[in-house]
């Protein structure tokens, strides 16, 4: 899926939390090793968005979201100002930036693209299943997800 992904923005293009999942079956729930393989695919898609960023018609955001304990919810997101009126830019609440991934691996860059990792609130409603979510973006690709004063 990552190999086949293409992004060809046009002058009239916009995104309202558009997203693409790569692990619909939730195989990443079995172990971090499997989840990491899917994260690599999401990072490949992010590098393709980075390569096309000059073609975007205006400001946008691109990020990877790892959904707590549910790998099937992991995906890459694109967002911009849009006719639906969704808030732009997105600044996720309660995120602590500059943290390692659940594997303890610090993810500073991928294929030369600098990355920022943020840990967000747990996504499960049952406390025993609650695991934090993660946001990953590159400061070189679109607008920041971090609140700047």
Protein backbone atom coordinates (compact mmCIF):
# COMPACT_ATOMS: atom_id res chain seq x y z
CA UNK A 1 0.00 0.00 0.00
CA UNK A 2 2.80 2.42 0.86
CA UNK A 3 4.60 1.65 -2.39
CA UNK A 4 1.44 2.34 -4.42
CA UNK A 5 0.49 5.55 -2.57
CA UNK A 6 0.45 8.73 -4.68
CA UNK A 7 -0.50 12.26 -3.80
CA UNK A 8 -1.18 14.72 -6.60
CA UNK A 9 -2.59 17.94 -5.09
CA UNK A 10 -4.45 20.29 -7.41
CA UNK A 11 -5.23 24.00 -7.04
CA UNK A 12 -8.69 23.15 -5.65
CA UNK A 13 -7.53 20.34 -3.31
CA UNK A 14 -8.44 20.37 0.37
CA UNK A 15 -8.50 17.77 3.15
CA UNK A 16 -10.79 17.37 6.15
CA UNK A 17 -8.99 14.87 8.35
CA UNK A 18 -8.43 12.63 5.30
CA UNK A 19 -6.67 9.46 6.45
CA UNK A 20 -5.29 6.15 5.27
CA UNK A 21 -4.94 3.06 7.47
CA UNK A 22 -2.41 0.32 6.68
CA UNK A 23 -3.18 -2.27 9.38
CA UNK A 24 -6.93 -2.85 9.07
CA UNK A 25 -6.58 -6.33 10.60
CA UNK A 26 -4.87 -4.98 13.73
CA UNK A 27 -1.89 -7.28 13.40
CA UNK A 28 0.18 -4.69 15.24
CA UNK A 29 -1.80 -5.54 18.39
CA UNK A 30 0.11 -8.85 18.53
CA UNK A 31 3.51 -7.26 19.12
CA UNK A 32 5.44 -4.04 18.68
CA UNK A 33 7.50 -5.77 15.97
CA UNK A 34 4.41 -6.05 13.73
CA UNK A 35 3.24 -2.58 14.63
CA UNK A 36 6.65 -1.18 13.75
CA UNK A 37 6.39 -2.70 10.24
CA UNK A 38 3.12 -0.83 9.71
CA UNK A 39 4.64 2.34 11.17
CA UNK A 40 7.42 2.05 8.55
CA UNK A 41 4.72 1.96 5.84
CA UNK A 42 3.05 5.06 7.30
CA UNK A 43 6.43 6.81 7.39
CA UNK A 44 6.98 5.93 3.72
CA UNK A 45 3.66 7.59 2.89
CA UNK A 46 4.68 10.64 4.93
CA UNK A 47 7.89 10.92 2.88
CA UNK A 48 5.77 10.89 -0.30
CA UNK A 49 3.65 13.72 1.11
CA UNK A 50 6.90 15.54 1.96
CA UNK A 51 8.12 15.11 -1.62
CA UNK A 52 4.84 16.64 -2.92
CA UNK A 53 4.59 19.48 -0.40
CA UNK A 54 5.52 22.18 -2.92
CA UNK A 55 2.46 21.16 -4.98
CA UNK A 56 -0.04 21.73 -2.16
CA UNK A 57 -2.27 24.73 -2.94
CA UNK A 58 -2.02 26.18 0.56
CA UNK A 59 -1.19 25.43 4.17
CA UNK A 60 -1.85 21.87 5.32
CA UNK A 61 -0.96 19.42 8.05
CA UNK A 62 0.23 15.83 7.76
CA UNK A 63 0.69 13.47 10.69
CA UNK A 64 0.75 9.84 11.72
CA UNK A 65 -1.53 8.75 14.53
CA UNK A 66 -0.95 5.57 16.55
CA UNK A 67 -4.18 4.74 18.35
CA UNK A 68 -3.27 3.46 21.79
CA UNK A 69 -3.93 -0.26 22.01
CA UNK A 70 -5.74 -0.55 18.65
CA UNK A 71 -3.29 -0.83 15.76
CA UNK A 72 -6.14 -0.99 13.24
CA UNK A 73 -6.77 2.69 14.00
CA UNK A 74 -3.22 3.74 13.16
CA UNK A 75 -3.06 5.95 10.09
CA UNK A 76 -1.67 8.93 8.28
CA UNK A 77 -3.78 12.09 8.19
CA UNK A 78 -3.94 15.13 5.92
CA UNK A 79 -5.82 18.25 6.94
CA UNK A 80 -6.24 21.78 5.59
CA UNK A 81 -8.70 24.61 5.64
CA UNK A 82 -11.81 23.17 4.03
CA UNK A 83 -15.40 23.99 3.09
CA UNK A 84 -16.69 21.78 5.93
CA UNK A 85 -15.42 24.30 8.45
CA UNK A 86 -13.27 21.87 10.47
CA UNK A 87 -10.80 23.67 12.68
CA UNK A 88 -7.45 24.28 11.02
CA UNK A 89 -4.76 23.93 12.09
CA UNK A 90 -5.30 20.94 14.37
CA UNK A 91 -3.53 21.24 17.73
CA UNK A 92 -4.18 17.97 19.64
CA UNK A 93 -4.86 18.58 23.33
CA UNK A 94 -2.96 16.92 26.14
CA UNK A 95 0.01 15.84 24.01
CA UNK A 96 3.51 15.69 25.51
CA UNK A 97 6.10 16.18 22.72
CA UNK A 98 9.62 14.77 22.46
CA UNK A 99 8.89 11.31 23.84
CA UNK A 100 10.03 7.84 22.68
CA UNK A 101 7.67 5.35 21.07
CA UNK A 102 6.19 2.53 23.20
CA UNK A 103 9.12 0.31 22.20
CA UNK A 104 11.41 2.81 23.91
CA UNK A 105 12.80 3.76 20.48
CA UNK A 106 13.42 7.44 19.94
CA UNK A 107 12.17 8.39 16.48
CA UNK A 108 14.09 11.52 15.51
CA UNK A 109 14.17 11.06 11.73
CA UNK A 110 13.12 8.77 8.89
CA UNK A 111 14.90 8.76 5.54
CA UNK A 112 16.39 12.16 6.36
CA UNK A 113 13.03 13.66 7.37
CA UNK A 114 13.13 15.12 10.93
CA UNK A 115 10.26 13.89 13.10
CA UNK A 116 8.53 14.94 16.29
CA UNK A 117 6.75 12.35 18.46
CA UNK A 118 4.08 13.28 20.97
CA UNK A 119 2.30 11.09 23.47
CA UNK A 120 -1.40 11.79 23.82
CA UNK A 121 -4.10 10.61 26.18
CA UNK A 122 -5.12 6.97 26.43
CA UNK A 123 -7.79 6.00 23.92
CA UNK A 124 -9.54 3.03 25.58
CA UNK A 125 -12.49 3.65 27.87
CA UNK A 126 -11.61 0.67 30.09
CA UNK A 127 -8.74 1.63 32.41
CA UNK A 128 -7.14 -1.83 32.18
CA UNK A 129 -6.89 -1.53 28.37
CA UNK A 130 -5.90 2.13 28.25
CA UNK A 131 -2.70 2.86 26.35
CA UNK A 132 -1.48 6.27 25.23
CA UNK A 133 -1.89 7.42 21.67
CA UNK A 134 1.00 8.88 19.66
CA UNK A 135 1.24 11.67 17.10
CA UNK A 136 4.19 11.83 14.68
CA UNK A 137 4.84 14.68 12.26
CA UNK A 138 7.72 16.43 10.55
CA UNK A 139 8.30 20.15 11.10
CA UNK A 140 9.27 20.28 7.40
CA UNK A 141 5.92 18.95 6.17
CA UNK A 142 3.01 21.31 6.65
CA UNK A 143 2.01 23.24 9.73
CA UNK A 144 3.01 22.16 13.22
CA UNK A 145 0.73 20.14 15.48
CA UNK A 146 2.28 21.82 18.51
CA UNK A 147 0.95 24.92 20.21
CA UNK A 148 3.43 27.75 19.81
CA UNK A 149 3.14 30.98 21.72
